[in-house]
Each structure stands twice: as structure tokens, then as C-alpha cells.
Amino acid sequence: MSFLFYCNMYKDKSKRHEASNKMQEARCKKQDARCKKQETRDKRQEARSNL
């Protein structure tokens, strides 16, 4: 196997890794958004119950 082949394999792996990182990031952002929504909902309910 040539050195070039290894280089290409490594590039492929890092590309795939990048893609999965981006997916993971997107997932985290979605989760964050969900948490924030839940927080605001909780605050609203709290405010209502304090009235």
C-alpha cells in the first residue's frame, strides 16, 4: 500500500469525523433550543401561579 493511499484514507476519515461532529453539533443545538423553550414555559407557569 502506498503512502498516498494512507493519506487519502486519513482524509476520508477526518471528513467523516467532521460530518459526524456537525451532526452532533446540530443535535446539541436542537436540544438547547428545547431546553430553553421548556425553561420559558416553566417561568410562565410560575408567574401564573404567583398571581
N, C-alpha and C. Protein backbone atom coordinates (compact mmCIF):
# COMPACT_ATOMS: atom_id res chain seq x y z
N MET A 1 0.84 -1.20 0.00
CA MET A 1 0.00 0.00 0.00
C MET A 1 0.87 1.25 0.00
N SER A 2 0.49 2.18 -0.81
CA SER A 2 1.28 3.39 -0.92
C SER A 2 0.97 4.38 0.19
N PHE A 3 1.89 5.27 0.38
CA PHE A 3 1.73 6.31 1.38
C PHE A 3 0.53 7.20 1.02
N LEU A 4 0.39 7.45 -0.28
CA LEU A 4 -0.71 8.28 -0.77
C LEU A 4 -2.06 7.67 -0.39
N PHE A 5 -2.12 6.36 -0.51
CA PHE A 5 -3.37 5.66 -0.16
C PHE A 5 -3.73 5.94 1.30
N TYR A 6 -2.72 5.86 2.16
CA TYR A 6 -2.95 6.14 3.58
C TYR A 6 -3.42 7.56 3.79
N CYS A 7 -2.79 8.50 3.06
CA CYS A 7 -3.19 9.90 3.17
C CYS A 7 -4.66 10.06 2.82
N ASN A 8 -5.06 9.46 1.72
CA ASN A 8 -6.44 9.57 1.29
C ASN A 8 -7.40 8.94 2.28
N MET A 9 -7.01 7.81 2.83
CA MET A 9 -7.84 7.16 3.83
C MET A 9 -8.02 8.07 5.03
N TYR A 10 -6.92 8.68 5.44
CA TYR A 10 -6.96 9.57 6.60
C TYR A 10 -7.87 10.77 6.32
N LYS A 11 -7.75 11.33 5.12
CA LYS A 11 -8.60 12.45 4.75
C LYS A 11 -10.07 12.05 4.80
N ASP A 12 -10.36 10.89 4.25
CA ASP A 12 -11.73 10.39 4.28
C ASP A 12 -12.24 10.28 5.71
N LYS A 13 -11.42 9.72 6.55
CA LYS A 13 -11.82 9.54 7.95
C LYS A 13 -12.09 10.88 8.60
N SER A 14 -11.21 11.84 8.37
CA SER A 14 -11.39 13.14 9.02
C SER A 14 -12.63 13.85 8.47
N LYS A 15 -12.90 13.64 7.17
CA LYS A 15 -14.13 14.22 6.59
C LYS A 15 -15.34 13.62 7.26
N ARG A 16 -15.32 12.31 7.39
CA ARG A 16 -16.45 11.63 8.03
C ARG A 16 -16.60 12.11 9.47
N HIS A 17 -15.47 12.26 10.13
CA HIS A 17 -15.47 12.71 11.52
C HIS A 17 -16.08 14.11 11.61
N GLU A 18 -15.66 14.98 10.66
CA GLU A 18 -16.21 16.33 10.62
C GLU A 18 -17.72 16.29 10.46
N ALA A 19 -18.18 15.46 9.55
CA ALA A 19 -19.62 15.35 9.28
C ALA A 19 -20.35 14.92 10.55
N SER A 20 -19.81 13.93 11.25
CA SER A 20 -20.49 13.45 12.45
C SER A 20 -20.44 14.52 13.54
N ASN A 21 -19.35 15.28 13.59
CA ASN A 21 -19.27 16.37 14.56
C ASN A 21 -20.35 17.41 14.29
N LYS A 22 -20.53 17.73 12.99
CA LYS A 22 -21.56 18.71 12.63
C LYS A 22 -22.93 18.21 13.02
N MET A 23 -23.17 16.92 12.77
CA MET A 23 -24.46 16.35 13.15
C MET A 23 -24.66 16.44 14.66
N GLN A 24 -23.61 16.12 15.38
CA GLN A 24 -23.65 16.17 16.84
C GLN A 24 -23.95 17.58 17.31
N GLU A 25 -23.28 18.56 16.66
CA GLU A 25 -23.50 19.97 17.00
C GLU A 25 -24.96 20.35 16.78
N ALA A 26 -25.47 19.96 15.64
CA ALA A 26 -26.87 20.27 15.31
C ALA A 26 -27.80 19.68 16.36
N ARG A 27 -27.50 18.45 16.75
CA ARG A 27 -28.32 17.78 17.76
C ARG A 27 -28.28 18.56 19.07
N CYS A 28 -27.08 18.99 19.45
CA CYS A 28 -26.93 19.75 20.69
C CYS A 28 -27.72 21.06 20.63
N LYS A 29 -27.64 21.72 19.48
CA LYS A 29 -28.37 22.98 19.33
C LYS A 29 -29.87 22.76 19.47
N LYS A 30 -30.35 21.69 18.84
CA LYS A 30 -31.78 21.37 18.94
C LYS A 30 -32.16 21.13 20.39
N GLN A 31 -31.32 20.36 21.09
CA GLN A 31 -31.57 20.04 22.49
C GLN A 31 -31.58 21.32 23.32
N ASP A 32 -30.63 22.22 23.03
CA ASP A 32 -30.54 23.50 23.71
C ASP A 32 -31.82 24.29 23.54
N ALA A 33 -32.27 24.36 22.28
CA ALA A 33 -33.49 25.11 21.97
C ALA A 33 -34.66 24.54 22.76
N ARG A 34 -34.72 23.21 22.80
CA ARG A 34 -35.80 22.54 23.52
C ARG A 34 -35.75 22.92 25.00
N CYS A 35 -34.55 22.90 25.56
CA CYS A 35 -34.38 23.23 26.97
C CYS A 35 -34.84 24.67 27.25
N LYS A 36 -34.45 25.58 26.36
CA LYS A 36 -34.83 26.98 26.55
C LYS A 36 -36.34 27.14 26.49
N LYS A 37 -36.98 26.45 25.55
CA LYS A 37 -38.44 26.51 25.44
C LYS A 37 -39.06 26.04 26.75
N GLN A 38 -38.54 24.93 27.24
CA GLN A 38 -39.07 24.36 28.48
C GLN A 38 -38.89 25.35 29.63
N GLU A 39 -37.74 26.00 29.67
CA GLU A 39 -37.46 26.98 30.72
C GLU A 39 -38.46 28.11 30.69
N THR A 40 -38.68 28.67 29.48
CA THR A 40 -39.62 29.80 29.38
C THR A 40 -41.02 29.34 29.76
N ARG A 41 -41.38 28.12 29.39
CA ARG A 41 -42.69 27.58 29.75
C ARG A 41 -42.81 27.49 31.27
N ASP A 42 -41.76 26.96 31.90
CA ASP A 42 -41.76 26.84 33.36
C ASP A 42 -41.90 28.20 34.02
N LYS A 43 -41.16 29.19 33.49
CA LYS A 43 -41.23 30.53 34.07
C LYS A 43 -42.62 31.11 33.95
N ARG A 44 -43.24 30.89 32.78
CA ARG A 44 -44.59 31.40 32.56
C ARG A 44 -45.56 30.77 33.56
N GLN A 45 -45.44 29.46 33.73
CA GLN A 45 -46.32 28.76 34.67
C GLN A 45 -46.11 29.28 36.09
N GLU A 46 -44.84 29.52 36.43
CA GLU A 46 -44.51 30.03 37.75
C GLU A 46 -45.17 31.39 37.96
N ALA A 47 -45.02 32.25 36.94
CA ALA A 47 -45.60 33.59 37.01
C ALA A 47 -47.11 33.51 37.20
N ARG A 48 -47.72 32.57 36.46
CA ARG A 48 -49.17 32.40 36.55
C ARG A 48 -49.58 31.96 37.95
N SER A 49 -48.83 31.02 38.50
CA SER A 49 -49.20 30.50 39.82
C SER A 49 -48.94 31.53 40.92
N ASN A 50 -48.07 32.51 40.64
CA ASN A 50 -47.79 33.55 41.63
C ASN A 50 -48.84 34.65 41.64
N LEU A 51 -49.64 34.71 40.59
CA LEU A 51 -50.68 35.74 40.50
C LEU A 51 -51.76 35.54 41.55
